N, C-alpha and C. Protein backbone atom coordinates (compact mmCIF):
# COMPACT_ATOMS: atom_id res chain seq x y z
N MET A 1 36.66 -3.19 7.91
CA MET A 1 35.48 -2.55 8.80
C MET A 1 34.73 -1.54 7.95
N LYS A 2 35.30 -0.72 7.49
CA LYS A 2 34.25 0.39 6.33
C LYS A 2 33.59 -0.65 5.68
N ASN A 3 34.08 -1.32 4.88
CA ASN A 3 32.89 -2.10 3.86
C ASN A 3 31.86 -2.62 4.83
N LEU A 4 32.15 -3.52 6.16
CA LEU A 4 30.98 -3.91 6.81
C LEU A 4 30.05 -3.05 7.52
N LEU A 5 30.25 -2.00 7.75
CA LEU A 5 29.77 -0.67 7.98
C LEU A 5 28.56 -0.46 7.15
N ILE A 6 29.02 -0.32 5.68
CA ILE A 6 28.22 -0.07 4.45
C ILE A 6 27.37 -0.92 4.35
N LEU A 7 27.94 -2.03 4.31
CA LEU A 7 27.18 -3.41 4.21
C LEU A 7 25.80 -3.55 5.32
N MET A 8 26.04 -2.96 6.43
CA MET A 8 24.76 -2.89 7.57
C MET A 8 24.18 -1.86 7.31
N ILE A 9 24.46 -0.77 7.00
CA ILE A 9 23.64 0.35 6.66
C ILE A 9 22.79 0.30 5.51
N VAL A 10 23.17 -0.71 4.63
CA VAL A 10 22.43 -0.78 3.25
C VAL A 10 21.11 -2.35 3.74
N LEU A 11 21.62 -2.92 4.60
CA LEU A 11 20.41 -4.23 5.42
C LEU A 11 19.73 -3.55 5.72
N VAL A 12 19.85 -2.74 6.77
CA VAL A 12 19.20 -1.79 7.75
C VAL A 12 18.05 -0.83 6.94
N SER A 13 18.97 -0.26 5.92
CA SER A 13 17.84 0.47 5.10
C SER A 13 16.50 -0.07 4.42
N GLY A 14 17.53 -1.58 3.87
CA GLY A 14 16.00 -2.19 2.95
C GLY A 14 15.14 -2.81 3.36
N THR A 15 15.72 -3.25 5.00
CA THR A 15 14.64 -3.48 5.81
C THR A 15 13.40 -2.70 6.42
N ILE A 16 14.07 -1.29 6.60
CA ILE A 16 12.71 -0.52 6.68
C ILE A 16 12.32 -0.13 5.81
N PHE A 17 12.73 -0.15 4.91
CA PHE A 17 12.05 0.28 3.10
C PHE A 17 11.17 -0.68 3.04
N GLY A 18 11.36 -2.01 3.07
CA GLY A 18 10.44 -3.47 3.09
C GLY A 18 9.36 -3.07 3.78
N GLN A 19 9.52 -2.85 5.24
CA GLN A 19 8.57 -2.60 5.91
C GLN A 19 7.54 -1.50 5.42
N GLU A 20 8.02 -0.12 4.90
CA GLU A 20 7.24 0.94 4.61
C GLU A 20 6.32 0.19 3.25
N VAL A 21 6.91 -0.36 2.62
CA VAL A 21 6.30 -0.71 1.54
C VAL A 21 5.27 -1.62 1.57
N THR A 22 5.60 -2.59 2.68
CA THR A 22 4.31 -3.71 3.13
C THR A 22 2.93 -2.72 3.94
N ALA A 23 3.68 -1.63 4.69
CA ALA A 23 2.57 -0.95 5.12
C ALA A 23 1.74 -0.22 4.27
N LEU A 24 2.61 0.14 3.24
CA LEU A 24 1.77 1.22 2.42
C LEU A 24 0.63 -0.01 1.41
N GLN A 25 0.85 -1.36 1.23
CA GLN A 25 0.03 -2.55 0.59
C GLN A 25 -1.23 -3.06 1.13
N ASN A 26 -1.26 -2.29 2.68
CA ASN A 26 -2.04 -3.03 3.54
C ASN A 26 -3.26 -1.38 3.73
N GLY A 27 -4.40 -2.04 3.57
CA GLY A 27 -5.66 -1.01 3.68
C GLY A 27 -6.80 -1.36 2.67
N ALA A 28 -7.57 -0.21 2.91
CA ALA A 28 -8.76 -0.39 1.80
C ALA A 28 -8.46 0.15 0.54
N LYS A 29 -8.99 -0.05 -0.84
CA LYS A 29 -8.76 0.67 -1.73
C LYS A 29 -9.93 0.56 -2.56
N MET A 30 -10.32 1.69 -3.21
CA MET A 30 -11.48 1.75 -3.90
C MET A 30 -11.26 2.06 -5.78
N GLU A 31 -12.42 1.17 -6.31
CA GLU A 31 -12.38 1.08 -7.63
C GLU A 31 -13.58 1.00 -7.86
N PHE A 32 -14.01 2.39 -8.78
CA PHE A 32 -15.17 2.40 -9.44
C PHE A 32 -15.42 1.61 -11.11
N ASP A 33 -16.36 1.54 -11.17
CA ASP A 33 -16.83 0.86 -12.56
C ASP A 33 -17.14 1.63 -13.75
N LYS A 34 -16.97 3.49 -13.12
CA LYS A 34 -16.82 4.56 -13.99
C LYS A 34 -16.69 5.79 -12.95
N GLU A 35 -16.44 6.41 -14.13
CA GLU A 35 -16.08 7.83 -12.90
C GLU A 35 -16.87 9.16 -13.37
N VAL A 36 -17.68 8.80 -14.52
CA VAL A 36 -18.46 9.68 -14.97
C VAL A 36 -19.90 8.87 -15.96
N HIS A 37 -20.94 9.26 -15.39
CA HIS A 37 -22.13 9.00 -15.72
C HIS A 37 -22.82 10.32 -16.74
N ASP A 38 -23.27 9.91 -18.17
CA ASP A 38 -23.44 10.57 -18.96
C ASP A 38 -24.68 10.18 -19.14
N TYR A 39 -25.86 11.21 -18.92
CA TYR A 39 -27.40 11.08 -19.16
C TYR A 39 -27.63 11.32 -20.24
N GLY A 40 -27.02 11.68 -21.17
CA GLY A 40 -26.68 12.02 -23.05
C GLY A 40 -27.92 12.95 -22.63
N THR A 41 -29.13 13.40 -23.76
CA THR A 41 -30.40 14.20 -23.65
C THR A 41 -31.29 13.68 -22.95
N ILE A 42 -31.62 14.01 -21.79
CA ILE A 42 -33.01 13.50 -21.16
C ILE A 42 -33.70 14.88 -21.26
N LYS A 43 -35.44 14.57 -21.03
CA LYS A 43 -36.21 15.67 -20.97
C LYS A 43 -36.62 16.05 -19.68
N LYS A 44 -36.92 17.40 -19.21
CA LYS A 44 -37.29 17.87 -18.06
C LYS A 44 -38.17 16.94 -17.30
N GLY A 45 -37.84 16.78 -16.23
CA GLY A 45 -39.01 15.78 -15.45
C GLY A 45 -38.48 14.29 -15.40
N ASP A 46 -37.28 13.90 -16.27
CA ASP A 46 -36.97 12.34 -16.41
C ASP A 46 -36.51 11.83 -15.36
N ASP A 47 -36.16 10.81 -15.36
CA ASP A 47 -35.87 10.05 -13.92
C ASP A 47 -34.10 10.54 -13.71
N GLY A 48 -33.41 11.23 -12.86
CA GLY A 48 -32.37 11.42 -12.84
C GLY A 48 -31.36 10.75 -12.03
N HIS A 49 -31.85 9.67 -12.27
CA HIS A 49 -31.28 8.32 -10.79
C HIS A 49 -29.81 7.94 -12.00
N CYS A 50 -29.03 7.87 -11.02
CA CYS A 50 -27.72 6.99 -11.82
C CYS A 50 -27.19 6.23 -10.37
N VAL A 51 -26.29 5.22 -10.90
CA VAL A 51 -25.24 4.61 -10.23
C VAL A 51 -24.20 4.21 -10.47
N PHE A 52 -23.12 4.03 -9.86
CA PHE A 52 -22.09 4.25 -9.43
C PHE A 52 -21.46 2.64 -8.33
N LYS A 53 -20.98 2.04 -9.40
CA LYS A 53 -20.38 0.92 -8.50
C LYS A 53 -19.01 1.06 -7.95
N ILE A 54 -18.66 0.58 -6.64
CA ILE A 54 -17.47 0.58 -6.14
C ILE A 54 -17.05 -0.62 -5.78
N LYS A 55 -15.67 -1.06 -5.45
CA LYS A 55 -15.35 -2.24 -4.91
C LYS A 55 -14.24 -2.15 -4.44
N ASN A 56 -14.52 -2.87 -3.22
CA ASN A 56 -12.76 -2.50 -2.23
C ASN A 56 -12.03 -3.69 -2.66
N THR A 57 -10.92 -3.21 -3.38
CA THR A 57 -9.74 -3.99 -4.01
C THR A 57 -8.53 -4.43 -3.05
N GLY A 58 -8.90 -3.77 -1.93
CA GLY A 58 -7.78 -3.80 -0.79
C GLY A 58 -7.93 -4.91 0.34
N ASN A 59 -7.06 -4.82 1.23
CA ASN A 59 -7.45 -6.27 2.06
C ASN A 59 -7.95 -5.52 3.36
N GLN A 60 -8.61 -4.34 3.54
CA GLN A 60 -9.39 -3.68 4.95
C GLN A 60 -10.25 -3.30 4.49
N PRO A 61 -11.09 -3.40 5.36
CA PRO A 61 -12.89 -2.62 5.17
C PRO A 61 -12.59 -1.22 4.64
N LEU A 62 -13.32 -0.94 3.43
CA LEU A 62 -13.52 0.58 2.99
C LEU A 62 -14.68 1.36 3.80
N LEU A 63 -14.37 2.41 4.71
CA LEU A 63 -15.29 3.32 4.79
C LEU A 63 -15.59 4.37 4.18
N ILE A 64 -16.86 4.70 3.50
CA ILE A 64 -17.27 5.81 3.00
C ILE A 64 -17.59 6.82 3.96
N ARG A 65 -16.70 7.82 4.32
CA ARG A 65 -17.27 8.76 5.24
C ARG A 65 -18.33 9.79 5.12
N ASN A 66 -17.93 10.23 4.01
CA ASN A 66 -18.90 11.03 3.22
C ASN A 66 -19.35 11.07 1.74
N ALA A 67 -20.41 11.66 1.18
CA ALA A 67 -20.73 12.02 -0.34
C ALA A 67 -21.23 13.30 -0.73
N LYS A 68 -20.40 14.12 -1.22
CA LYS A 68 -21.22 15.63 -1.12
C LYS A 68 -21.49 15.75 -2.69
N GLY A 69 -22.47 16.24 -2.65
CA GLY A 69 -22.81 16.75 -4.44
C GLY A 69 -22.58 18.31 -4.47
N SER A 70 -22.11 18.62 -5.68
CA SER A 70 -21.79 19.92 -5.88
C SER A 70 -22.65 20.96 -5.85
N CYS A 71 -24.10 20.69 -5.76
CA CYS A 71 -25.00 21.56 -5.53
C CYS A 71 -26.48 20.68 -4.96
N GLN A 72 -27.09 21.19 -4.69
CA GLN A 72 -28.27 20.73 -4.08
C GLN A 72 -29.30 19.94 -4.97
N CYS A 73 -29.25 20.23 -6.18
CA CYS A 73 -29.72 19.45 -7.03
C CYS A 73 -29.15 17.88 -7.56
N THR A 74 -27.94 17.61 -6.99
CA THR A 74 -27.33 16.60 -6.71
C THR A 74 -27.02 15.61 -5.83
N VAL A 75 -28.07 14.90 -5.32
CA VAL A 75 -27.98 14.34 -3.84
C VAL A 75 -27.53 12.55 -3.92
N PRO A 76 -26.59 12.48 -3.54
CA PRO A 76 -25.64 11.26 -3.01
C PRO A 76 -26.63 10.48 -2.30
N GLU A 77 -26.54 8.63 -2.32
CA GLU A 77 -26.62 7.69 -1.45
C GLU A 77 -25.71 7.22 -1.26
N TRP A 78 -24.91 6.84 -0.27
CA TRP A 78 -23.66 6.14 0.17
C TRP A 78 -23.84 4.75 0.87
N PRO A 79 -23.50 3.82 0.87
CA PRO A 79 -23.18 2.71 2.10
C PRO A 79 -22.91 2.94 3.58
N LYS A 80 -23.46 3.09 4.36
CA LYS A 80 -22.96 3.46 5.61
C LYS A 80 -22.23 2.31 6.51
N GLU A 81 -22.28 1.29 5.88
CA GLU A 81 -21.64 0.13 6.57
C GLU A 81 -20.20 -0.16 5.97
N PRO A 82 -19.35 -0.98 6.44
CA PRO A 82 -18.08 -1.08 5.48
C PRO A 82 -18.29 -1.72 4.58
N ILE A 83 -17.38 -1.77 3.44
CA ILE A 83 -17.28 -2.48 2.17
C ILE A 83 -16.21 -3.52 2.56
N LEU A 84 -16.52 -4.76 2.76
CA LEU A 84 -15.17 -5.67 2.98
C LEU A 84 -14.38 -5.63 1.76
N PRO A 85 -13.28 -6.35 1.91
CA PRO A 85 -12.29 -6.78 0.63
C PRO A 85 -13.35 -7.81 0.04
N GLY A 86 -12.88 -7.32 -1.66
CA GLY A 86 -13.64 -7.95 -2.44
C GLY A 86 -14.90 -7.93 -2.71
N LYS A 87 -15.49 -6.86 -1.93
CA LYS A 87 -17.47 -6.72 -1.85
C LYS A 87 -17.42 -5.18 -2.81
N THR A 88 -18.62 -5.27 -3.34
CA THR A 88 -18.99 -4.26 -3.71
C THR A 88 -20.05 -3.39 -3.19
N ALA A 89 -20.40 -2.07 -3.68
CA ALA A 89 -21.75 -1.78 -3.30
C ALA A 89 -21.89 -0.75 -4.26
N GLU A 90 -22.82 0.25 -4.02
CA GLU A 90 -23.63 1.10 -4.98
C GLU A 90 -23.43 2.67 -4.39
N ILE A 91 -22.76 3.78 -5.11
CA ILE A 91 -23.31 5.25 -4.69
C ILE A 91 -24.31 5.41 -5.70
N LYS A 92 -25.67 5.74 -5.15
CA LYS A 92 -26.71 6.25 -5.84
C LYS A 92 -26.82 7.96 -6.26
N VAL A 93 -26.64 8.43 -7.20
CA VAL A 93 -26.97 9.85 -7.16
C VAL A 93 -28.24 10.17 -8.19
N LYS A 94 -28.99 11.09 -7.30
CA LYS A 94 -30.19 11.93 -8.08
C LYS A 94 -29.89 13.07 -8.56
N TYR A 95 -30.34 13.66 -9.75
CA TYR A 95 -30.03 14.69 -10.39
C TYR A 95 -31.82 15.08 -10.23
N ASN A 96 -31.76 16.38 -9.83
CA ASN A 96 -32.86 16.99 -10.15
C ASN A 96 -33.28 17.55 -11.80
N THR A 97 -33.97 16.80 -12.75
CA THR A 97 -33.97 17.24 -13.72
C THR A 97 -35.09 18.34 -14.06
N SER A 98 -35.34 19.33 -13.03
CA SER A 98 -36.76 20.28 -13.23
C SER A 98 -35.89 21.65 -14.17
N ARG A 99 -34.69 21.58 -14.18
CA ARG A 99 -33.88 22.47 -14.54
C ARG A 99 -33.43 22.16 -16.36
N VAL A 100 -34.04 22.93 -17.29
CA VAL A 100 -33.71 22.97 -18.65
C VAL A 100 -31.90 23.36 -18.85
N GLY A 101 -30.74 22.64 -19.31
CA GLY A 101 -29.70 23.08 -19.49
C GLY A 101 -28.91 21.84 -19.60
N VAL A 102 -27.62 22.19 -19.35
CA VAL A 102 -26.49 21.54 -19.20
C VAL A 102 -26.19 21.11 -17.99
N ILE A 103 -26.17 19.56 -18.03
CA ILE A 103 -25.81 19.25 -16.46
C ILE A 103 -23.95 18.75 -16.63
N ASN A 104 -23.54 19.64 -15.42
CA ASN A 104 -22.08 18.95 -15.26
C ASN A 104 -21.91 19.34 -13.82
N LYS A 105 -22.23 18.43 -12.88
CA LYS A 105 -22.18 18.43 -11.36
C LYS A 105 -21.08 17.47 -11.12
N SER A 106 -20.86 17.45 -10.01
CA SER A 106 -19.74 16.15 -9.52
C SER A 106 -20.08 15.75 -7.97
N VAL A 107 -20.12 15.03 -7.52
CA VAL A 107 -20.20 14.04 -6.02
C VAL A 107 -18.51 13.73 -5.59
N THR A 108 -18.26 14.46 -4.52
CA THR A 108 -17.05 13.88 -3.84
C THR A 108 -17.28 13.06 -2.82
N ILE A 109 -16.39 11.89 -3.05
CA ILE A 109 -16.22 10.66 -2.02
C ILE A 109 -15.23 11.17 -0.98
N SER A 110 -15.63 10.71 0.60
CA SER A 110 -14.80 10.85 1.20
C SER A 110 -14.48 9.32 1.92
N SER A 111 -13.03 8.75 1.90
CA SER A 111 -13.22 7.59 2.60
C SER A 111 -11.94 7.30 3.29
N ASN A 112 -11.63 5.94 3.65
CA ASN A 112 -10.55 5.96 4.42
C ASN A 112 -9.40 4.89 3.21
N ALA A 113 -9.71 5.07 2.07
CA ALA A 113 -8.57 4.35 1.19
C ALA A 113 -7.53 4.85 1.06
N MET A 114 -6.54 3.75 1.02
CA MET A 114 -5.03 3.98 0.67
C MET A 114 -4.57 4.73 -0.41
N ASN A 115 -5.52 4.45 -1.67
CA ASN A 115 -5.20 4.51 -2.83
C ASN A 115 -5.98 6.30 -2.95
N GLY A 116 -6.25 6.99 -2.39
CA GLY A 116 -7.07 8.24 -2.18
C GLY A 116 -8.20 8.57 -1.03
N THR A 117 -7.88 9.52 -0.26
CA THR A 117 -8.84 9.27 0.64
C THR A 117 -10.01 10.48 -0.10
N THR A 118 -9.87 10.69 -1.10
CA THR A 118 -11.21 11.69 -1.65
C THR A 118 -11.21 10.95 -3.25
N LYS A 119 -12.06 11.02 -3.73
CA LYS A 119 -12.37 10.76 -5.48
C LYS A 119 -13.52 11.45 -5.71
N VAL A 120 -13.67 12.56 -6.79
CA VAL A 120 -14.50 12.75 -7.39
C VAL A 120 -15.32 12.45 -8.82
N LEU A 121 -16.62 11.91 -8.65
CA LEU A 121 -17.12 11.50 -9.88
C LEU A 121 -18.25 12.41 -10.30
N ARG A 122 -18.42 12.23 -11.72
CA ARG A 122 -18.82 13.35 -12.09
C ARG A 122 -20.36 12.95 -13.06
N ILE A 123 -21.27 14.01 -13.19
CA ILE A 123 -22.62 13.47 -14.24
C ILE A 123 -22.48 14.60 -14.93
N LYS A 124 -23.16 14.10 -16.25
CA LYS A 124 -23.36 15.21 -17.34
C LYS A 124 -24.23 14.91 -18.01
N GLY A 125 -24.66 16.01 -18.96
CA GLY A 125 -25.69 15.48 -20.16
C GLY A 125 -26.77 16.51 -20.08
N THR A 126 -27.34 16.62 -21.01
CA THR A 126 -28.54 17.99 -20.98
C THR A 126 -29.97 17.57 -20.70
N VAL A 127 -30.50 18.46 -20.19
CA VAL A 127 -32.23 18.30 -20.16
C VAL A 127 -32.59 19.59 -20.79
N THR A 128 -33.30 18.83 -21.50
CA THR A 128 -34.32 19.87 -22.60
C THR A 128 -35.82 19.83 -22.15
N GLU A 129 -36.63 20.61 -22.75
CA GLU A 129 -37.92 20.74 -22.45
C GLU A 129 -38.83 19.71 -22.69
């Protein structure tokens, strides 16, 4: 009788655990082609645009809720419509190159992704005269 009780507990636990694992596998997932964009050395006033490609590798639509630059000189644009499973989109970032000096800024992405609801992308480089 004791062995039967232990067997039942193990089976029920395994079933519950299996459902939790399945639940964790369902949802949107975001993967980026890169996490850092390096402008290298660019001249003051040069084009400060860059693009991060994002792919939804999950099985539910990915919603980018917000993208926020670390300062007013870093302005992101992101897709407002859902990114369907298997599809890609772009997050465009414009850095204001009117300031001379080192670039070390970030863009924080907020989403419904099951592999992390926030992701920090970075831009770096140097602006010269």
